PDB file of N, CA and C in Angstrom:
ATOM      1  N   MET A   1     -15.740  -4.400 -81.520  1.00  0.00           N
ATOM      2  CA  MET A   1     -14.857  -5.443 -81.058  1.00  0.00           C
ATOM      3  C   MET A   1     -14.121  -6.087 -82.235  1.00  0.00           C
ATOM      4  N   ILE A   2     -14.832  -6.279 -83.337  1.00  0.00           N
ATOM      5  CA  ILE A   2     -14.203  -6.891 -84.506  1.00  0.00           C
ATOM      6  C   ILE A   2     -13.045  -6.013 -84.992  1.00  0.00           C
ATOM      7  N   HIS A   3     -13.274  -4.720 -85.029  1.00  0.00           N
ATOM      8  CA  HIS A   3     -12.238  -3.795 -85.495  1.00  0.00           C
ATOM      9  C   HIS A   3     -11.007  -3.831 -84.588  1.00  0.00           C
ATOM     10  N   GLY A   4     -11.210  -4.002 -83.304  1.00  0.00           N
ATOM     11  CA  GLY A   4     -10.089  -4.014 -82.377  1.00  0.00           C
ATOM     12  C   GLY A   4      -9.271  -5.288 -82.416  1.00  0.00           C
ATOM     13  N   LEU A   5      -9.810  -6.329 -83.061  1.00  0.00           N
ATOM     14  CA  LEU A   5      -9.114  -7.612 -83.098  1.00  0.00           C
ATOM     15  C   LEU A   5      -8.454  -7.929 -84.433  1.00  0.00           C
ATOM     16  N   THR A   6      -8.849  -7.225 -85.484  1.00  0.00           N
ATOM     17  CA  THR A   6      -8.363  -7.597 -86.813  1.00  0.00           C
ATOM     18  C   THR A   6      -7.205  -6.708 -87.264  1.00  0.00           C
ATOM     19  N   PRO A   7      -6.269  -7.294 -87.995  1.00  0.00           N
ATOM     20  CA  PRO A   7      -5.173  -6.502 -88.542  1.00  0.00           C
ATOM     21  C   PRO A   7      -5.698  -5.576 -89.639  1.00  0.00           C
ATOM     22  N   PRO A   8      -5.072  -4.529 -90.008  1.00  0.00           N
ATOM     23  CA  PRO A   8      -3.762  -4.079 -89.585  1.00  0.00           C
ATOM     24  C   PRO A   8      -3.798  -3.287 -88.283  1.00  0.00           C
ATOM     25  N   LEU A   9      -4.949  -2.802 -87.862  1.00  0.00           N
ATOM     26  CA  LEU A   9      -4.980  -2.017 -86.632  1.00  0.00           C
ATOM     27  C   LEU A   9      -4.907  -2.933 -85.419  1.00  0.00           C
ATOM     28  N   GLY A  10      -5.938  -3.684 -85.152  1.00  0.00           N
ATOM     29  CA  GLY A  10      -5.929  -4.679 -84.090  1.00  0.00           C
ATOM     30  C   GLY A  10      -5.318  -4.195 -82.790  1.00  0.00           C
ATOM     31  N   ILE A  11      -5.667  -2.984 -82.389  1.00  0.00           N
ATOM     32  CA  ILE A  11      -5.019  -2.357 -81.238  1.00  0.00           C
ATOM     33  C   ILE A  11      -5.157  -3.202 -79.971  1.00  0.00           C
ATOM     34  N   LEU A  12      -6.275  -3.903 -79.820  1.00  0.00           N
ATOM     35  CA  LEU A  12      -6.451  -4.732 -78.621  1.00  0.00           C
ATOM     36  C   LEU A  12      -5.432  -5.870 -78.584  1.00  0.00           C
ATOM     37  N   VAL A  13      -5.152  -6.428 -79.733  1.00  0.00           N
ATOM     38  CA  VAL A  13      -4.171  -7.521 -79.797  1.00  0.00           C
ATOM     39  C   VAL A  13      -2.782  -7.009 -79.446  1.00  0.00           C
ATOM     40  N   TYR A  14      -2.443  -5.824 -79.942  1.00  0.00           N
ATOM     41  CA  TYR A  14      -1.116  -5.280 -79.653  1.00  0.00           C
ATOM     42  C   TYR A  14      -0.981  -4.893 -78.175  1.00  0.00           C
ATOM     43  N   VAL A  15      -2.051  -4.412 -77.577  1.00  0.00           N
ATOM     44  CA  VAL A  15      -2.013  -4.081 -76.146  1.00  0.00           C
ATOM     45  C   VAL A  15      -1.809  -5.346 -75.322  1.00  0.00           C
ATOM     46  N   VAL A  16      -2.578  -6.388 -75.619  1.00  0.00           N
ATOM     47  CA  VAL A  16      -2.426  -7.655 -74.893  1.00  0.00           C
ATOM     48  C   VAL A  16      -1.042  -8.235 -75.137  1.00  0.00           C
ATOM     49  N   SER A  17      -0.570  -8.145 -76.357  1.00  0.00           N
ATOM     50  CA  SER A  17       0.757  -8.657 -76.688  1.00  0.00           C
ATOM     51  C   SER A  17       1.838  -7.950 -75.872  1.00  0.00           C
ATOM     52  N   GLY A  18       1.718  -6.640 -75.738  1.00  0.00           N
ATOM     53  CA  GLY A  18       2.706  -5.891 -74.969  1.00  0.00           C
ATOM     54  C   GLY A  18       2.641  -6.186 -73.485  1.00  0.00           C
ATOM     55  N   ILE A  19       1.433  -6.311 -72.947  1.00  0.00           N
ATOM     56  CA  ILE A  19       1.283  -6.577 -71.512  1.00  0.00           C
ATOM     57  C   ILE A  19       1.768  -7.983 -71.159  1.00  0.00           C
ATOM     58  N   MET A  20       1.388  -8.957 -71.983  1.00  0.00           N
ATOM     59  CA  MET A  20       1.732 -10.353 -71.688  1.00  0.00           C
ATOM     60  C   MET A  20       3.113 -10.749 -72.210  1.00  0.00           C
ATOM     61  N   ARG A  21       3.753  -9.867 -72.976  1.00  0.00           N
ATOM     62  CA  ARG A  21       5.066 -10.149 -73.571  1.00  0.00           C
ATOM     63  C   ARG A  21       5.046 -11.426 -74.427  1.00  0.00           C
ATOM     64  N   VAL A  22       4.007 -11.480 -75.270  1.00  0.00           N
ATOM     65  CA  VAL A  22       3.822 -12.594 -76.200  1.00  0.00           C
ATOM     66  C   VAL A  22       3.832 -11.998 -77.604  1.00  0.00           C
ATOM     67  N   PRO A  23       4.384 -12.681 -78.589  1.00  0.00           N
ATOM     68  CA  PRO A  23       4.361 -12.133 -79.953  1.00  0.00           C
ATOM     69  C   PRO A  23       2.932 -11.889 -80.444  1.00  0.00           C
ATOM     70  N   ALA A  24       2.764 -10.816 -81.194  1.00  0.00           N
ATOM     71  CA  ALA A  24       1.428 -10.454 -81.682  1.00  0.00           C
ATOM     72  C   ALA A  24       0.836 -11.551 -82.562  1.00  0.00           C
ATOM     73  N   GLY A  25       1.647 -12.240 -83.314  1.00  0.00           N
ATOM     74  CA  GLY A  25       1.155 -13.332 -84.161  1.00  0.00           C
ATOM     75  C   GLY A  25       0.495 -14.436 -83.358  1.00  0.00           C
ATOM     76  N   ALA A  26       1.067 -14.752 -82.204  1.00  0.00           N
ATOM     77  CA  ALA A  26       0.484 -15.784 -81.348  1.00  0.00           C
ATOM     78  C   ALA A  26      -0.858 -15.335 -80.793  1.00  0.00           C
ATOM     79  N   VAL A  27      -0.963 -14.060 -80.453  1.00  0.00           N
ATOM     80  CA  VAL A  27      -2.228 -13.538 -79.929  1.00  0.00           C
ATOM     81  C   VAL A  27      -3.274 -13.528 -81.034  1.00  0.00           C
ATOM     82  N   PHE A  28      -2.891 -13.131 -82.252  1.00  0.00           N
ATOM     83  CA  PHE A  28      -3.832 -13.144 -83.369  1.00  0.00           C
ATOM     84  C   PHE A  28      -4.371 -14.555 -83.608  1.00  0.00           C
ATOM     85  N   ARG A  29      -3.500 -15.546 -83.559  1.00  0.00           N
ATOM     86  CA  ARG A  29      -3.956 -16.931 -83.752  1.00  0.00           C
ATOM     87  C   ARG A  29      -4.885 -17.367 -82.634  1.00  0.00           C
ATOM     88  N   ALA A  30      -4.624 -16.933 -81.416  1.00  0.00           N
ATOM     89  CA  ALA A  30      -5.471 -17.306 -80.288  1.00  0.00           C
ATOM     90  C   ALA A  30      -6.839 -16.624 -80.355  1.00  0.00           C
ATOM     91  N   VAL A  31      -6.913 -15.487 -81.015  1.00  0.00           N
ATOM     92  CA  VAL A  31      -8.153 -14.706 -81.090  1.00  0.00           C
ATOM     93  C   VAL A  31      -9.048 -15.171 -82.239  1.00  0.00           C
ATOM     94  N   LEU A  32      -8.533 -15.959 -83.160  1.00  0.00           N
ATOM     95  CA  LEU A  32      -9.309 -16.374 -84.326  1.00  0.00           C
ATOM     96  C   LEU A  32     -10.653 -17.025 -83.983  1.00  0.00           C
ATOM     97  N   PRO A  33     -10.751 -17.935 -83.007  1.00  0.00           N
ATOM     98  CA  PRO A  33     -12.075 -18.497 -82.686  1.00  0.00           C
ATOM     99  C   PRO A  33     -13.070 -17.426 -82.216  1.00  0.00           C
ATOM    100  N   LEU A  34     -12.609 -16.501 -81.388  1.00  0.00           N
ATOM    101  CA  LEU A  34     -13.482 -15.421 -80.940  1.00  0.00           C
ATOM    102  C   LEU A  34     -13.908 -14.560 -82.114  1.00  0.00           C
ATOM    103  N   LEU A  35     -12.996 -14.262 -83.004  1.00  0.00           N
ATOM    104  CA  LEU A  35     -13.311 -13.457 -84.173  1.00  0.00           C
ATOM    105  C   LEU A  35     -14.333 -14.171 -85.058  1.00  0.00           C
ATOM    106  N   GLY A  36     -14.188 -15.475 -85.203  1.00  0.00           N
ATOM    107  CA  GLY A  36     -15.165 -16.253 -85.977  1.00  0.00           C
ATOM    108  C   GLY A  36     -16.561 -16.172 -85.379  1.00  0.00           C
ATOM    109  N   VAL A  37     -16.651 -16.294 -84.068  1.00  0.00           N
ATOM    110  CA  VAL A  37     -17.951 -16.202 -83.398  1.00  0.00           C
ATOM    111  C   VAL A  37     -18.545 -14.808 -83.568  1.00  0.00           C
ATOM    112  N   LEU A  38     -17.729 -13.785 -83.453  1.00  0.00           N
ATOM    113  CA  LEU A  38     -18.221 -12.418 -83.626  1.00  0.00           C
ATOM    114  C   LEU A  38     -18.729 -12.185 -85.052  1.00  0.00           C
ATOM    115  N   LEU A  39     -18.041 -12.715 -86.043  1.00  0.00           N
ATOM    116  CA  LEU A  39     -18.477 -12.551 -87.426  1.00  0.00           C
ATOM    117  C   LEU A  39     -19.771 -13.313 -87.703  1.00  0.00           C
ATOM    118  N   VAL A  40     -19.901 -14.499 -87.135  1.00  0.00           N
ATOM    119  CA  VAL A  40     -21.154 -15.257 -87.288  1.00  0.00           C
ATOM    120  C   VAL A  40     -22.306 -14.514 -86.615  1.00  0.00           C
ATOM    121  N   ALA A  41     -22.079 -13.979 -85.428  1.00  0.00           N
ATOM    122  CA  ALA A  41     -23.119 -13.219 -84.736  1.00  0.00           C
ATOM    123  C   ALA A  41     -23.508 -11.979 -85.535  1.00  0.00           C
ATOM    124  N   LEU A  42     -22.532 -11.309 -86.135  1.00  0.00           N
ATOM    125  CA  LEU A  42     -22.831 -10.149 -86.970  1.00  0.00           C
ATOM    126  C   LEU A  42     -23.680 -10.542 -88.170  1.00  0.00           C
ATOM    127  N   ALA A  43     -23.352 -11.660 -88.794  1.00  0.00           N
ATOM    128  CA  ALA A  43     -24.131 -12.121 -89.946  1.00  0.00           C
ATOM    129  C   ALA A  43     -25.554 -12.486 -89.540  1.00  0.00           C
ATOM    130  N   VAL A  44     -25.707 -13.179 -88.424  1.00  0.00           N
ATOM    131  CA  VAL A  44     -27.045 -13.565 -87.952  1.00  0.00           C
ATOM    132  C   VAL A  44     -27.875 -12.334 -87.629  1.00  0.00           C
ATOM    133  N   LEU A  45     -27.287 -11.379 -86.940  1.00  0.00           N
ATOM    134  CA  LEU A  45     -28.027 -10.161 -86.607  1.00  0.00           C
ATOM    135  C   LEU A  45     -28.361  -9.348 -87.850  1.00  0.00           C
ATOM    136  N   SER A  46     -27.450  -9.279 -88.788  1.00  0.00           N
ATOM    137  CA  SER A  46     -27.703  -8.515 -90.015  1.00  0.00           C
ATOM    138  C   SER A  46     -28.798  -9.164 -90.855  1.00  0.00           C
ATOM    139  N   LEU A  47     -28.718 -10.467 -91.031  1.00  0.00           N
ATOM    140  CA  LEU A  47     -29.731 -11.161 -91.823  1.00  0.00           C
ATOM    141  C   LEU A  47     -31.073 -11.202 -91.102  1.00  0.00           C
ATOM    142  N   GLY A  48     -31.031 -11.353 -89.792  1.00  0.00           N
ATOM    143  CA  GLY A  48     -32.274 -11.386 -89.009  1.00  0.00           C
ATOM    144  C   GLY A  48     -32.989 -10.049 -89.022  1.00  0.00           C
ATOM    145  N   ALA A  49     -32.236  -8.958 -88.961  1.00  0.00           N
ATOM    146  CA  ALA A  49     -32.850  -7.633 -88.982  1.00  0.00           C
ATOM    147  C   ALA A  49     -33.465  -7.350 -90.344  1.00  0.00           C
ATOM    148  N   ALA A  50     -32.876  -7.881 -91.393  1.00  0.00           N
ATOM    149  CA  ALA A  50     -33.415  -7.660 -92.729  1.00  0.00           C
ATOM    150  C   ALA A  50     -34.629  -8.549 -93.001  1.00  0.00           C
ATOM    151  N   ALA A  51     -34.699  -9.706 -92.351  1.00  0.00           N
ATOM    152  CA  ALA A  51     -35.753 -10.672 -92.665  1.00  0.00           C
ATOM    153  C   ALA A  51     -36.931 -10.638 -91.705  1.00  0.00           C
ATOM    154  N   TRP A  52     -36.817 -10.024 -90.539  1.00  0.00           N
ATOM    155  CA  TRP A  52     -37.901 -10.159 -89.563  1.00  0.00           C
ATOM    156  C   TRP A  52     -39.221  -9.553 -89.998  1.00  0.00           C
ATOM    157  N   PRO A  53     -39.280  -8.474 -90.781  1.00  0.00           N
ATOM    158  CA  PRO A  53     -40.604  -7.981 -91.199  1.00  0.00           C
ATOM    159  C   PRO A  53     -41.369  -8.989 -92.050  1.00  0.00           C
ATOM    160  N   SER A  54     -40.679  -9.745 -92.881  1.00  0.00           N
ATOM    161  CA  SER A  54     -41.369 -10.737 -93.702  1.00  0.00           C
ATOM    162  C   SER A  54     -41.785 -11.954 -92.882  1.00  0.00           C
ATOM    163  N   LEU A  55     -41.131 -12.186 -91.769  1.00  0.00           N
ATOM    164  CA  LEU A  55     -41.473 -13.326 -90.920  1.00  0.00           C
ATOM    165  C   LEU A  55     -42.633 -13.016 -89.993  1.00  0.00           C
ATOM    166  N   ALA A  56     -42.875 -11.757 -89.725  1.00  0.00           N
ATOM    167  CA  ALA A  56     -43.949 -11.371 -88.820  1.00  0.00           C
ATOM    168  C   ALA A  56     -44.774 -10.252 -89.457  1.00  0.00           C
ATOM    169  N   PRO A  57     -45.608 -10.580 -90.469  1.00  0.00           N
ATOM    170  CA  PRO A  57     -46.356  -9.533 -91.157  1.00  0.00           C
ATOM    171  C   PRO A  57     -47.364  -8.819 -90.259  1.00  0.00           C
ATOM    172  N   GLY A  58     -47.846  -9.466 -89.215  1.00  0.00           N
ATOM    173  CA  GLY A  58     -48.816  -8.838 -88.323  1.00  0.00           C
ATOM    174  C   GLY A  58     -48.202  -7.698 -87.520  1.00  0.00           C
ATOM    175  N   LEU A  59     -46.906  -7.732 -87.303  1.00  0.00           N
ATOM    176  CA  LEU A  59     -46.241  -6.684 -86.532  1.00  0.00           C
ATOM    177  C   LEU A  59     -45.992  -5.424 -87.356  1.00  0.00           C
ATOM    178  N   ARG A  60     -46.084  -5.548 -88.667  1.00  0.00           N
ATOM    179  CA  ARG A  60     -45.823  -4.397 -89.527  1.00  0.00           C
ATOM    180  C   ARG A  60     -46.805  -3.256 -89.240  1.00  0.00           C
ATOM    181  N   ALA A  61     -48.012  -3.566 -88.866  1.00  0.00           N
ATOM    182  CA  ALA A  61     -49.013  -2.535 -88.582  1.00  0.00           C
ATOM    183  C   ALA A  61     -48.642  -1.732 -87.329  1.00  0.00           C
ATOM    184  N   LEU A  62     -47.890  -2.329 -86.437  1.00  0.00           N
ATOM    185  CA  LEU A  62     -47.511  -1.638 -85.214  1.00  0.00           C
ATOM    186  C   LEU A  62     -46.455  -0.568 -85.459  1.00  0.00           C
ATOM    187  N   PHE A  63     -45.693  -0.733 -86.513  1.00  0.00           N
ATOM    188  CA  PHE A  63     -44.608   0.197 -86.789  1.00  0.00           C
ATOM    189  C   PHE A  63     -44.980   1.043 -87.958  1.00  0.00           C
TER     190      PHE A  63
END
């Protein structure tokens, strides 16, 4: 989803821009809050996946 929203490709933005007949720049600005949330979620998932074994040492024996 992040790849489809960010320039230079941003194909989803260009598709919406063409369908709604709105300039692509306006759509990019409108998508920024969603993009911010997606990037924060990616960071949380990435950091959480790297840190969970140290947070739950008892589960290490199961894997």
